[in-house]
Amino acid sequence: MKNTKLLLTSAGFLNKEISNLFLKELSKEPNKSKVFMVTGARTKEEEYYIQESKQELINLGFKDIFVFNLDRKILLDEVKDCDVIYVCGGNTYYILKRFRETGLDKIVIELVNQGKIYIGVSAGSVMAGPNIEIAGWGEDGDKNDVNLKDLTGFNFTNIAVFPHFEEKNRQEVKEFKKKVNYPVIELTDNQAVFVKGKNYIIIGE
C-alpha cells in the first residue's frame, strides 16, 4: 500500500490547488499520459458532469483520455497502460456494483497498488475508502436502488469522505462519525484529500 497515490475530490478540479498538486505528482507530462476514465452515468445530469470532468482534463493538457462506461465488459488492453485512473461520480451503489460485475474492481485495485494515480470525484472518492456506507447517509444520500448488499470499498485508505459537504450537513456527518471506527473527512466542492501511502493532506478550504 505504500505506493498508493489517491486524489479524492468532491467535484474534480474546481480548485486550481487540486489540479496543481495532481500535475506535480504525475510522472509524465499530461500530453504523454493516458487517463482511464470510468463513468456510470444513468441520467442526463450525470452525463453532463462527466463531460465537464473530461473537459477539465483536456484543459490541463491531457490528450489520451479513454472513457469507459460501466454498462459493458472491460477489455484489458483498454486499461493496462494507463497512468491515471479517474472514477467519476453518480450513484455510488450502482457504480460499485458494476465495477464488480465487469471485473474492473480487481484490475483497478491491482493498478493503484502498483502506483497508478487514482482520482475520485464524489462517488469515485467514496469507493476508495473502507466501505461506501456514507454514500447513502443523510437526506441527500444516494438510494441503494440496485440492492447492493456488500458495501466494502476498494480499501485504498481507511478514510471515508463525505463529498459536497455544506454547513447544513454538519449534524448528520457528526452522527455518522459516532457509529463508525474509521476517520471521516467532509469535503466541500472546493476541497480534496490527497493520500500518499499512509499519509494524507486536505487541499482547499
N, C-alpha and C. Protein backbone atom coordinates (compact mmCIF):
# COMPACT_ATOMS: atom_id res chain seq x y z
N MET A 1 0.82 -1.22 0.00
CA MET A 1 0.00 0.00 0.00
C MET A 1 0.85 1.26 0.00
N LYS A 2 2.16 1.14 0.22
CA LYS A 2 2.95 2.37 0.36
C LYS A 2 3.06 3.16 -0.96
N ASN A 3 2.77 2.48 -2.09
CA ASN A 3 2.83 3.15 -3.39
C ASN A 3 1.63 4.02 -3.70
N THR A 4 0.54 3.80 -2.98
CA THR A 4 -0.73 4.39 -3.42
C THR A 4 -0.72 5.92 -3.41
N LYS A 5 -1.29 6.45 -4.50
CA LYS A 5 -1.50 7.90 -4.63
C LYS A 5 -2.95 8.12 -4.98
N LEU A 6 -3.68 8.73 -4.08
CA LEU A 6 -5.11 8.95 -4.29
C LEU A 6 -5.42 10.44 -4.20
N LEU A 7 -6.19 10.93 -5.14
CA LEU A 7 -6.67 12.30 -5.05
C LEU A 7 -8.19 12.21 -5.00
N LEU A 8 -8.72 12.34 -3.79
CA LEU A 8 -10.15 12.15 -3.57
C LEU A 8 -10.83 13.51 -3.53
N THR A 9 -11.54 13.83 -4.60
CA THR A 9 -12.15 15.15 -4.72
C THR A 9 -13.65 15.04 -4.52
N SER A 10 -14.24 16.19 -4.27
CA SER A 10 -15.69 16.26 -4.15
C SER A 10 -16.29 16.56 -5.52
N ALA A 11 -15.60 17.45 -6.27
CA ALA A 11 -16.16 17.88 -7.55
C ALA A 11 -15.08 18.09 -8.61
N GLY A 12 -14.03 17.29 -8.57
CA GLY A 12 -13.00 17.42 -9.59
C GLY A 12 -12.05 18.58 -9.33
N PHE A 13 -11.68 19.26 -10.40
CA PHE A 13 -10.62 20.28 -10.32
C PHE A 13 -11.15 21.71 -10.28
N LEU A 14 -12.22 21.94 -9.53
CA LEU A 14 -12.75 23.30 -9.40
C LEU A 14 -11.70 24.23 -8.81
N ASN A 15 -10.89 23.68 -7.92
CA ASN A 15 -9.86 24.46 -7.23
C ASN A 15 -8.51 24.19 -7.90
N LYS A 16 -7.85 25.25 -8.32
CA LYS A 16 -6.57 25.12 -9.04
C LYS A 16 -5.49 24.43 -8.18
N GLU A 17 -5.61 24.59 -6.87
CA GLU A 17 -4.66 23.93 -5.95
C GLU A 17 -4.68 22.41 -6.15
N ILE A 18 -5.88 21.88 -6.40
CA ILE A 18 -6.05 20.43 -6.56
C ILE A 18 -5.38 19.97 -7.86
N SER A 19 -5.64 20.70 -8.95
CA SER A 19 -5.05 20.29 -10.23
C SER A 19 -3.53 20.49 -10.23
N ASN A 20 -3.05 21.53 -9.55
CA ASN A 20 -1.59 21.76 -9.47
C ASN A 20 -0.90 20.59 -8.78
N LEU A 21 -1.49 20.13 -7.68
CA LEU A 21 -0.89 19.01 -6.96
C LEU A 21 -0.91 17.74 -7.82
N PHE A 22 -2.00 17.52 -8.50
CA PHE A 22 -2.13 16.35 -9.39
C PHE A 22 -1.02 16.36 -10.44
N LEU A 23 -0.82 17.50 -11.10
CA LEU A 23 0.19 17.58 -12.16
C LEU A 23 1.60 17.38 -11.60
N LYS A 24 1.80 17.83 -10.37
CA LYS A 24 3.11 17.67 -9.73
C LYS A 24 3.40 16.19 -9.44
N GLU A 25 2.36 15.43 -9.11
CA GLU A 25 2.52 14.01 -8.75
C GLU A 25 2.57 13.11 -9.99
N LEU A 26 2.17 13.65 -11.13
CA LEU A 26 2.15 12.86 -12.36
C LEU A 26 3.59 12.60 -12.80
N SER A 27 3.87 11.35 -13.22
CA SER A 27 5.27 11.03 -13.55
C SER A 27 5.67 11.49 -14.95
N LYS A 28 4.68 11.80 -15.80
CA LYS A 28 4.97 12.26 -17.16
C LYS A 28 4.22 13.56 -17.43
N GLU A 29 4.54 14.19 -18.56
CA GLU A 29 3.76 15.37 -18.99
C GLU A 29 2.32 14.93 -19.29
N PRO A 30 1.33 15.80 -19.04
CA PRO A 30 -0.06 15.42 -19.34
C PRO A 30 -0.26 14.92 -20.77
N ASN A 31 0.39 15.58 -21.76
CA ASN A 31 0.16 15.18 -23.15
C ASN A 31 0.82 13.84 -23.52
N LYS A 32 1.59 13.29 -22.57
CA LYS A 32 2.19 11.95 -22.80
C LYS A 32 1.57 10.90 -21.88
N SER A 33 0.54 11.29 -21.14
CA SER A 33 -0.10 10.39 -20.16
C SER A 33 -1.45 9.91 -20.65
N LYS A 34 -1.79 8.68 -20.26
CA LYS A 34 -3.11 8.15 -20.62
C LYS A 34 -4.01 8.14 -19.38
N VAL A 35 -5.19 8.70 -19.53
CA VAL A 35 -6.18 8.69 -18.45
C VAL A 35 -7.26 7.66 -18.79
N PHE A 36 -7.51 6.77 -17.85
CA PHE A 36 -8.60 5.80 -18.00
C PHE A 36 -9.75 6.33 -17.14
N MET A 37 -10.79 6.82 -17.78
CA MET A 37 -11.89 7.47 -17.08
C MET A 37 -13.09 6.53 -17.01
N VAL A 38 -13.56 6.26 -15.80
CA VAL A 38 -14.66 5.31 -15.61
C VAL A 38 -15.94 6.08 -15.29
N THR A 39 -16.99 5.80 -16.05
CA THR A 39 -18.25 6.50 -15.84
C THR A 39 -19.39 5.50 -15.65
N GLY A 40 -20.34 5.92 -14.85
CA GLY A 40 -21.53 5.10 -14.64
C GLY A 40 -22.77 5.95 -14.74
N ALA A 41 -22.78 6.84 -15.72
CA ALA A 41 -23.89 7.80 -15.84
C ALA A 41 -25.19 7.10 -16.22
N ARG A 42 -26.23 7.46 -15.50
CA ARG A 42 -27.55 6.91 -15.83
C ARG A 42 -28.56 8.02 -16.11
N THR A 43 -28.16 9.26 -15.91
CA THR A 43 -29.07 10.38 -16.15
C THR A 43 -28.36 11.44 -16.99
N LYS A 44 -29.15 12.33 -17.59
CA LYS A 44 -28.60 13.43 -18.38
C LYS A 44 -27.70 14.32 -17.52
N GLU A 45 -28.12 14.54 -16.27
CA GLU A 45 -27.35 15.40 -15.37
C GLU A 45 -25.97 14.77 -15.09
N GLU A 46 -25.95 13.46 -14.82
CA GLU A 46 -24.67 12.77 -14.57
C GLU A 46 -23.79 12.82 -15.82
N GLU A 47 -24.41 12.65 -16.98
CA GLU A 47 -23.68 12.71 -18.26
C GLU A 47 -23.03 14.09 -18.44
N TYR A 48 -23.76 15.12 -18.06
CA TYR A 48 -23.25 16.50 -18.18
C TYR A 48 -21.98 16.67 -17.34
N TYR A 49 -22.01 16.17 -16.09
CA TYR A 49 -20.85 16.33 -15.21
C TYR A 49 -19.64 15.53 -15.71
N ILE A 50 -19.91 14.41 -16.37
CA ILE A 50 -18.81 13.61 -16.92
C ILE A 50 -18.13 14.37 -18.06
N GLN A 51 -18.94 15.01 -18.90
CA GLN A 51 -18.36 15.83 -19.98
C GLN A 51 -17.54 16.99 -19.41
N GLU A 52 -18.04 17.57 -18.30
CA GLU A 52 -17.31 18.65 -17.62
C GLU A 52 -15.94 18.14 -17.14
N SER A 53 -15.96 16.95 -16.52
CA SER A 53 -14.72 16.35 -16.00
C SER A 53 -13.73 16.11 -17.13
N LYS A 54 -14.23 15.60 -18.24
CA LYS A 54 -13.35 15.33 -19.39
C LYS A 54 -12.74 16.64 -19.90
N GLN A 55 -13.56 17.67 -19.96
CA GLN A 55 -13.07 18.97 -20.43
C GLN A 55 -11.99 19.53 -19.50
N GLU A 56 -12.17 19.31 -18.19
CA GLU A 56 -11.16 19.77 -17.23
C GLU A 56 -9.81 19.11 -17.52
N LEU A 57 -9.85 17.81 -17.83
CA LEU A 57 -8.60 17.09 -18.15
C LEU A 57 -7.98 17.61 -19.44
N ILE A 58 -8.81 17.88 -20.44
CA ILE A 58 -8.32 18.44 -21.72
C ILE A 58 -7.65 19.79 -21.46
N ASN A 59 -8.30 20.60 -20.60
CA ASN A 59 -7.75 21.93 -20.28
C ASN A 59 -6.40 21.84 -19.56
N LEU A 60 -6.17 20.71 -18.88
CA LEU A 60 -4.88 20.52 -18.18
C LEU A 60 -3.81 19.98 -19.13
N GLY A 61 -4.19 19.69 -20.37
CA GLY A 61 -3.20 19.25 -21.36
C GLY A 61 -3.25 17.78 -21.71
N PHE A 62 -4.24 17.05 -21.18
CA PHE A 62 -4.35 15.61 -21.49
C PHE A 62 -5.00 15.43 -22.86
N LYS A 63 -4.41 14.54 -23.65
CA LYS A 63 -4.96 14.26 -24.99
C LYS A 63 -5.50 12.82 -25.08
N ASP A 64 -4.87 11.92 -24.34
CA ASP A 64 -5.25 10.50 -24.41
C ASP A 64 -6.17 10.17 -23.23
N ILE A 65 -7.47 10.36 -23.44
CA ILE A 65 -8.46 10.09 -22.38
C ILE A 65 -9.40 9.00 -22.89
N PHE A 66 -9.32 7.84 -22.26
CA PHE A 66 -10.18 6.73 -22.68
C PHE A 66 -11.37 6.67 -21.72
N VAL A 67 -12.56 6.88 -22.25
CA VAL A 67 -13.76 6.87 -21.41
C VAL A 67 -14.39 5.49 -21.46
N PHE A 68 -14.48 4.86 -20.29
CA PHE A 68 -15.08 3.52 -20.20
C PHE A 68 -16.41 3.62 -19.45
N ASN A 69 -17.48 3.23 -20.12
CA ASN A 69 -18.78 3.23 -19.46
C ASN A 69 -19.06 1.85 -18.87
N LEU A 70 -19.49 1.85 -17.62
CA LEU A 70 -19.65 0.60 -16.88
C LEU A 70 -20.81 -0.27 -17.36
N ASP A 71 -21.45 0.13 -18.46
CA ASP A 71 -22.55 -0.71 -18.94
C ASP A 71 -22.08 -1.87 -19.83
N ARG A 72 -20.74 -2.02 -19.96
CA ARG A 72 -20.23 -3.15 -20.76
C ARG A 72 -19.02 -3.78 -20.09
N LYS A 73 -18.55 -4.87 -20.65
CA LYS A 73 -17.37 -5.57 -20.11
C LYS A 73 -16.10 -4.79 -20.42
N ILE A 74 -15.10 -4.94 -19.57
CA ILE A 74 -13.81 -4.28 -19.78
C ILE A 74 -12.88 -5.18 -20.59
N LEU A 75 -12.10 -4.59 -21.48
CA LEU A 75 -11.03 -5.32 -22.18
C LEU A 75 -9.71 -4.87 -21.56
N LEU A 76 -8.86 -5.80 -21.23
CA LEU A 76 -7.60 -5.47 -20.52
C LEU A 76 -6.76 -4.42 -21.25
N ASP A 77 -6.74 -4.50 -22.58
CA ASP A 77 -5.94 -3.56 -23.37
C ASP A 77 -6.37 -2.11 -23.14
N GLU A 78 -7.64 -1.93 -22.79
CA GLU A 78 -8.16 -0.57 -22.62
C GLU A 78 -7.59 0.12 -21.39
N VAL A 79 -7.19 -0.66 -20.42
CA VAL A 79 -6.80 -0.07 -19.13
C VAL A 79 -5.33 -0.28 -18.78
N LYS A 80 -4.69 -1.31 -19.34
CA LYS A 80 -3.40 -1.75 -18.78
C LYS A 80 -2.28 -0.72 -18.83
N ASP A 81 -2.22 0.12 -19.88
CA ASP A 81 -1.09 1.04 -19.97
C ASP A 81 -1.45 2.47 -19.54
N CYS A 82 -2.49 2.61 -18.74
CA CYS A 82 -2.88 3.96 -18.31
C CYS A 82 -1.96 4.45 -17.19
N ASP A 83 -1.91 5.77 -17.03
CA ASP A 83 -1.12 6.40 -15.96
C ASP A 83 -2.01 6.88 -14.83
N VAL A 84 -3.26 7.17 -15.18
CA VAL A 84 -4.21 7.73 -14.22
C VAL A 84 -5.53 6.99 -14.35
N ILE A 85 -6.12 6.64 -13.22
CA ILE A 85 -7.46 6.06 -13.20
C ILE A 85 -8.37 7.11 -12.58
N TYR A 86 -9.37 7.52 -13.33
CA TYR A 86 -10.25 8.62 -12.92
C TYR A 86 -11.67 8.06 -12.82
N VAL A 87 -12.22 8.02 -11.61
CA VAL A 87 -13.55 7.44 -11.42
C VAL A 87 -14.55 8.56 -11.13
N CYS A 88 -15.50 8.71 -12.05
CA CYS A 88 -16.47 9.81 -11.97
C CYS A 88 -17.54 9.56 -10.91
N GLY A 89 -18.37 10.57 -10.74
CA GLY A 89 -19.47 10.49 -9.77
C GLY A 89 -20.70 9.83 -10.36
N GLY A 90 -21.76 9.80 -9.57
CA GLY A 90 -23.02 9.15 -9.95
C GLY A 90 -23.56 8.43 -8.72
N ASN A 91 -24.40 7.44 -8.94
CA ASN A 91 -24.93 6.68 -7.81
C ASN A 91 -23.88 5.66 -7.35
N THR A 92 -23.40 5.83 -6.14
CA THR A 92 -22.26 5.04 -5.64
C THR A 92 -22.57 3.54 -5.63
N TYR A 93 -23.78 3.18 -5.25
CA TYR A 93 -24.15 1.76 -5.18
C TYR A 93 -24.12 1.12 -6.57
N TYR A 94 -24.70 1.82 -7.53
CA TYR A 94 -24.72 1.30 -8.90
C TYR A 94 -23.30 1.17 -9.45
N ILE A 95 -22.48 2.20 -9.26
CA ILE A 95 -21.13 2.20 -9.81
C ILE A 95 -20.29 1.06 -9.22
N LEU A 96 -20.37 0.89 -7.89
CA LEU A 96 -19.60 -0.19 -7.26
C LEU A 96 -20.09 -1.56 -7.72
N LYS A 97 -21.39 -1.70 -7.86
CA LYS A 97 -21.95 -2.98 -8.32
C LYS A 97 -21.43 -3.31 -9.72
N ARG A 98 -21.43 -2.31 -10.59
CA ARG A 98 -20.96 -2.54 -11.96
C ARG A 98 -19.45 -2.78 -12.02
N PHE A 99 -18.69 -2.14 -11.15
CA PHE A 99 -17.25 -2.41 -11.06
C PHE A 99 -17.04 -3.90 -10.82
N ARG A 100 -17.82 -4.45 -9.90
CA ARG A 100 -17.65 -5.88 -9.56
C ARG A 100 -18.13 -6.77 -10.70
N GLU A 101 -19.28 -6.41 -11.31
CA GLU A 101 -19.84 -7.26 -12.36
C GLU A 101 -18.97 -7.28 -13.61
N THR A 102 -18.26 -6.20 -13.89
CA THR A 102 -17.39 -6.15 -15.07
C THR A 102 -16.00 -6.70 -14.77
N GLY A 103 -15.69 -6.90 -13.48
CA GLY A 103 -14.35 -7.37 -13.11
C GLY A 103 -13.33 -6.24 -13.04
N LEU A 104 -13.81 -5.00 -13.24
CA LEU A 104 -12.89 -3.86 -13.24
C LEU A 104 -12.33 -3.58 -11.84
N ASP A 105 -13.07 -3.97 -10.81
CA ASP A 105 -12.61 -3.70 -9.43
C ASP A 105 -11.24 -4.32 -9.18
N LYS A 106 -11.06 -5.58 -9.56
CA LYS A 106 -9.78 -6.27 -9.32
C LYS A 106 -8.64 -5.63 -10.10
N ILE A 107 -8.93 -5.24 -11.34
CA ILE A 107 -7.90 -4.62 -12.19
C ILE A 107 -7.47 -3.28 -11.60
N VAL A 108 -8.44 -2.46 -11.22
CA VAL A 108 -8.13 -1.13 -10.68
C VAL A 108 -7.38 -1.24 -9.35
N ILE A 109 -7.79 -2.15 -8.49
CA ILE A 109 -7.09 -2.33 -7.21
C ILE A 109 -5.63 -2.70 -7.46
N GLU A 110 -5.41 -3.59 -8.39
CA GLU A 110 -4.03 -4.00 -8.70
C GLU A 110 -3.21 -2.83 -9.25
N LEU A 111 -3.78 -2.07 -10.18
CA LEU A 111 -3.06 -0.95 -10.80
C LEU A 111 -2.74 0.16 -9.79
N VAL A 112 -3.70 0.46 -8.93
CA VAL A 112 -3.48 1.52 -7.94
C VAL A 112 -2.43 1.08 -6.93
N ASN A 113 -2.45 -0.19 -6.56
CA ASN A 113 -1.43 -0.69 -5.63
C ASN A 113 -0.04 -0.72 -6.28
N GLN A 114 -0.01 -0.70 -7.61
CA GLN A 114 1.29 -0.62 -8.32
C GLN A 114 1.79 0.82 -8.40
N GLY A 115 0.93 1.78 -8.05
CA GLY A 115 1.37 3.18 -8.06
C GLY A 115 0.70 4.08 -9.07
N LYS A 116 -0.28 3.56 -9.84
CA LYS A 116 -1.02 4.44 -10.75
C LYS A 116 -1.83 5.44 -9.91
N ILE A 117 -1.94 6.66 -10.38
CA ILE A 117 -2.69 7.67 -9.62
C ILE A 117 -4.19 7.40 -9.76
N TYR A 118 -4.89 7.42 -8.63
CA TYR A 118 -6.34 7.24 -8.61
C TYR A 118 -6.98 8.59 -8.29
N ILE A 119 -7.86 9.03 -9.18
CA ILE A 119 -8.61 10.26 -8.92
C ILE A 119 -10.07 9.88 -8.77
N GLY A 120 -10.66 10.31 -7.68
CA GLY A 120 -12.08 10.07 -7.47
C GLY A 120 -12.83 11.39 -7.48
N VAL A 121 -14.02 11.36 -8.04
CA VAL A 121 -14.93 12.51 -7.95
C VAL A 121 -16.20 12.00 -7.28
N SER A 122 -16.55 12.58 -6.13
CA SER A 122 -17.78 12.23 -5.42
C SER A 122 -17.87 10.72 -5.17
N ALA A 123 -18.72 9.99 -5.90
CA ALA A 123 -18.84 8.53 -5.70
C ALA A 123 -17.49 7.83 -5.85
N GLY A 124 -16.70 8.29 -6.82
CA GLY A 124 -15.38 7.70 -7.04
C GLY A 124 -14.48 7.85 -5.83
N SER A 125 -14.65 8.94 -5.09
CA SER A 125 -13.86 9.17 -3.88
C SER A 125 -14.36 8.30 -2.72
N VAL A 126 -15.68 8.17 -2.62
CA VAL A 126 -16.27 7.36 -1.55
C VAL A 126 -15.81 5.91 -1.69
N MET A 127 -15.76 5.39 -2.91
CA MET A 127 -15.42 3.98 -3.14
C MET A 127 -13.98 3.64 -2.80
N ALA A 128 -13.11 4.65 -2.74
CA ALA A 128 -11.70 4.39 -2.43
C ALA A 128 -11.48 3.98 -0.98
N GLY A 129 -12.46 4.27 -0.11
CA GLY A 129 -12.32 4.04 1.32
C GLY A 129 -12.71 2.64 1.76
N PRO A 130 -12.88 2.46 3.09
CA PRO A 130 -13.16 1.13 3.63
C PRO A 130 -14.51 0.57 3.21
N ASN A 131 -15.53 1.42 3.16
CA ASN A 131 -16.82 1.00 2.62
C ASN A 131 -17.62 2.22 2.19
N ILE A 132 -18.74 1.97 1.49
CA ILE A 132 -19.47 3.09 0.88
C ILE A 132 -20.73 3.46 1.68
N GLU A 133 -20.80 2.98 2.89
CA GLU A 133 -21.99 3.23 3.71
C GLU A 133 -22.35 4.72 3.76
N ILE A 134 -21.33 5.57 3.80
CA ILE A 134 -21.55 7.01 3.93
C ILE A 134 -22.30 7.58 2.72
N ALA A 135 -22.23 6.87 1.58
CA ALA A 135 -22.88 7.37 0.35
C ALA A 135 -24.39 7.53 0.53
N GLY A 136 -24.97 6.65 1.32
CA GLY A 136 -26.42 6.69 1.50
C GLY A 136 -26.87 7.46 2.73
N TRP A 137 -25.92 8.09 3.41
CA TRP A 137 -26.21 8.75 4.68
C TRP A 137 -26.78 10.14 4.45
N GLY A 138 -27.74 10.49 5.32
CA GLY A 138 -28.27 11.86 5.28
C GLY A 138 -29.39 12.03 4.26
N GLU A 139 -29.99 13.21 4.29
CA GLU A 139 -31.19 13.42 3.46
C GLU A 139 -30.89 13.47 1.96
N ASP A 140 -29.64 13.82 1.59
CA ASP A 140 -29.29 13.88 0.17
C ASP A 140 -28.52 12.64 -0.29
N GLY A 141 -28.49 11.60 0.55
CA GLY A 141 -27.69 10.41 0.24
C GLY A 141 -28.20 9.66 -0.98
N ASP A 142 -27.31 8.85 -1.58
CA ASP A 142 -27.70 8.01 -2.74
C ASP A 142 -28.71 6.96 -2.29
N LYS A 143 -29.58 6.60 -3.20
CA LYS A 143 -30.53 5.50 -2.94
C LYS A 143 -29.88 4.20 -3.42
N ASN A 144 -29.98 3.18 -2.59
CA ASN A 144 -29.44 1.87 -2.98
C ASN A 144 -30.49 1.14 -3.83
N ASP A 145 -30.71 1.66 -5.05
CA ASP A 145 -31.78 1.11 -5.89
C ASP A 145 -31.34 -0.13 -6.66
N VAL A 146 -30.09 -0.57 -6.45
CA VAL A 146 -29.64 -1.81 -7.09
C VAL A 146 -29.51 -2.93 -6.05
N ASN A 147 -29.95 -2.61 -4.84
CA ASN A 147 -29.98 -3.60 -3.76
C ASN A 147 -28.61 -4.22 -3.50
N LEU A 148 -27.57 -3.37 -3.44
CA LEU A 148 -26.21 -3.85 -3.19
C LEU A 148 -26.07 -4.23 -1.71
N LYS A 149 -25.63 -5.47 -1.46
CA LYS A 149 -25.53 -5.94 -0.07
C LYS A 149 -24.12 -5.70 0.51
N ASP A 150 -23.09 -6.00 -0.29
CA ASP A 150 -21.71 -5.86 0.20
C ASP A 150 -21.23 -4.43 -0.08
N LEU A 151 -21.09 -3.65 0.97
CA LEU A 151 -20.73 -2.24 0.81
C LEU A 151 -19.23 -1.97 0.99
N THR A 152 -18.42 -3.02 0.93
CA THR A 152 -16.98 -2.85 1.07
C THR A 152 -16.43 -2.02 -0.08
N GLY A 153 -15.60 -1.02 0.26
CA GLY A 153 -14.96 -0.20 -0.77
C GLY A 153 -13.67 -0.83 -1.26
N PHE A 154 -12.88 -0.05 -1.99
CA PHE A 154 -11.61 -0.55 -2.52
C PHE A 154 -10.54 -0.66 -1.44
N ASN A 155 -10.78 0.02 -0.32
CA ASN A 155 -9.83 -0.08 0.81
C ASN A 155 -8.43 0.43 0.50
N PHE A 156 -8.32 1.41 -0.38
CA PHE A 156 -7.01 2.01 -0.65
C PHE A 156 -6.56 2.82 0.57
N THR A 157 -7.55 3.27 1.35
CA THR A 157 -7.29 4.08 2.53
C THR A 157 -8.36 3.75 3.56
N ASN A 158 -8.08 4.03 4.84
CA ASN A 158 -9.11 3.77 5.85
C ASN A 158 -10.00 5.00 6.05
N ILE A 159 -9.81 6.03 5.21
CA ILE A 159 -10.59 7.27 5.33
C ILE A 159 -11.86 7.17 4.49
N ALA A 160 -12.98 7.58 5.06
CA ALA A 160 -14.20 7.74 4.27
C ALA A 160 -14.42 9.23 4.04
N VAL A 161 -14.77 9.59 2.82
CA VAL A 161 -15.05 11.01 2.57
C VAL A 161 -16.54 11.24 2.40
N PHE A 162 -16.96 12.41 2.85
CA PHE A 162 -18.35 12.85 2.66
C PHE A 162 -18.29 14.01 1.67
N PRO A 163 -18.59 13.75 0.38
CA PRO A 163 -18.44 14.81 -0.62
C PRO A 163 -19.60 15.81 -0.60
N HIS A 164 -19.39 16.94 -1.26
CA HIS A 164 -20.40 18.00 -1.41
C HIS A 164 -20.89 18.52 -0.06
N PHE A 165 -19.97 18.58 0.90
CA PHE A 165 -20.36 18.99 2.26
C PHE A 165 -20.77 20.46 2.28
N GLU A 166 -21.89 20.71 2.98
CA GLU A 166 -22.33 22.08 3.26
C GLU A 166 -22.64 22.13 4.75
N GLU A 167 -22.72 23.34 5.26
CA GLU A 167 -22.95 23.52 6.70
C GLU A 167 -24.19 22.77 7.18
N LYS A 168 -25.22 22.70 6.33
CA LYS A 168 -26.47 22.02 6.72
C LYS A 168 -26.27 20.51 6.98
N ASN A 169 -25.15 19.95 6.47
CA ASN A 169 -24.88 18.52 6.67
C ASN A 169 -24.11 18.22 7.96
N ARG A 170 -23.70 19.27 8.68
CA ARG A 170 -22.77 19.06 9.80
C ARG A 170 -23.29 18.05 10.82
N GLN A 171 -24.55 18.17 11.19
CA GLN A 171 -25.12 17.29 12.21
C GLN A 171 -25.15 15.84 11.74
N GLU A 172 -25.57 15.63 10.49
CA GLU A 172 -25.66 14.24 10.01
C GLU A 172 -24.28 13.60 9.86
N VAL A 173 -23.28 14.38 9.52
CA VAL A 173 -21.92 13.83 9.44
C VAL A 173 -21.43 13.48 10.85
N LYS A 174 -21.77 14.33 11.80
CA LYS A 174 -21.40 14.10 13.20
C LYS A 174 -22.01 12.77 13.69
N GLU A 175 -23.26 12.55 13.33
CA GLU A 175 -23.94 11.30 13.72
C GLU A 175 -23.26 10.09 13.08
N PHE A 176 -22.86 10.24 11.81
CA PHE A 176 -22.21 9.13 11.11
C PHE A 176 -20.87 8.80 11.78
N LYS A 177 -20.13 9.83 12.13
CA LYS A 177 -18.81 9.62 12.75
C LYS A 177 -18.92 8.82 14.04
N LYS A 178 -20.03 9.01 14.76
CA LYS A 178 -20.22 8.31 16.04
C LYS A 178 -20.37 6.80 15.84
N LYS A 179 -20.88 6.39 14.69
CA LYS A 179 -21.20 4.97 14.51
C LYS A 179 -20.13 4.17 13.80
N VAL A 180 -19.05 4.83 13.35
CA VAL A 180 -18.01 4.06 12.64
C VAL A 180 -16.66 4.19 13.35
N ASN A 181 -15.75 3.28 13.03
CA ASN A 181 -14.45 3.28 13.73
C ASN A 181 -13.31 3.64 12.79
N TYR A 182 -13.62 4.42 11.75
CA TYR A 182 -12.57 4.90 10.84
C TYR A 182 -12.75 6.41 10.65
N PRO A 183 -11.69 7.11 10.22
CA PRO A 183 -11.79 8.56 10.06
C PRO A 183 -12.76 8.95 8.94
N VAL A 184 -13.53 10.00 9.16
CA VAL A 184 -14.45 10.52 8.14
C VAL A 184 -14.07 11.98 7.89
N ILE A 185 -13.85 12.32 6.63
CA ILE A 185 -13.49 13.69 6.28
C ILE A 185 -14.56 14.28 5.38
N GLU A 186 -15.13 15.40 5.80
CA GLU A 186 -16.13 16.05 4.96
C GLU A 186 -15.41 17.00 3.99
N LEU A 187 -15.83 16.97 2.74
CA LEU A 187 -15.19 17.79 1.70
C LEU A 187 -16.21 18.69 1.02
N THR A 188 -15.91 19.98 0.97
CA THR A 188 -16.73 20.87 0.14
C THR A 188 -16.32 20.63 -1.32
N ASP A 189 -17.05 21.26 -2.24
CA ASP A 189 -16.71 21.08 -3.66
C ASP A 189 -15.38 21.73 -4.03
N ASN A 190 -14.83 22.50 -3.11
CA ASN A 190 -13.57 23.19 -3.34
C ASN A 190 -12.38 22.43 -2.75
N GLN A 191 -12.66 21.26 -2.17
CA GLN A 191 -11.62 20.54 -1.42
C GLN A 191 -11.34 19.15 -1.97
N ALA A 192 -10.21 18.61 -1.55
CA ALA A 192 -9.84 17.23 -1.88
C ALA A 192 -8.95 16.70 -0.77
N VAL A 193 -8.86 15.37 -0.68
CA VAL A 193 -7.88 14.73 0.20
C VAL A 193 -6.86 14.07 -0.72
N PHE A 194 -5.58 14.35 -0.46
CA PHE A 194 -4.53 13.67 -1.21
C PHE A 194 -3.88 12.67 -0.28
N VAL A 195 -3.96 11.39 -0.66
CA VAL A 195 -3.41 10.31 0.16
C VAL A 195 -2.19 9.76 -0.57
N LYS A 196 -1.07 9.70 0.14
CA LYS A 196 0.15 9.12 -0.43
C LYS A 196 0.64 8.09 0.56
N GLY A 197 0.50 6.81 0.21
CA GLY A 197 0.83 5.76 1.17
C GLY A 197 -0.07 5.86 2.38
N LYS A 198 0.56 6.05 3.56
CA LYS A 198 -0.24 6.14 4.79
C LYS A 198 -0.49 7.59 5.22
N ASN A 199 0.06 8.54 4.48
CA ASN A 199 -0.08 9.95 4.86
C ASN A 199 -1.13 10.64 4.00
N TYR A 200 -1.75 11.66 4.56
CA TYR A 200 -2.72 12.41 3.74
C TYR A 200 -2.73 13.88 4.13
N ILE A 201 -3.13 14.71 3.16
CA ILE A 201 -3.34 16.13 3.44
C ILE A 201 -4.69 16.53 2.85
N ILE A 202 -5.28 17.57 3.40
CA ILE A 202 -6.51 18.12 2.86
C ILE A 202 -6.15 19.38 2.09
N ILE A 203 -6.63 19.45 0.86
CA ILE A 203 -6.35 20.61 0.00
C ILE A 203 -7.59 21.47 -0.08
N GLY A 204 -7.40 22.79 -0.03
CA GLY A 204 -8.53 23.71 -0.17
C GLY A 204 -9.20 23.98 1.17
N GLU A 205 -10.07 24.98 1.12
CA GLU A 205 -10.78 25.39 2.36
C GLU A 205 -12.26 25.34 2.15
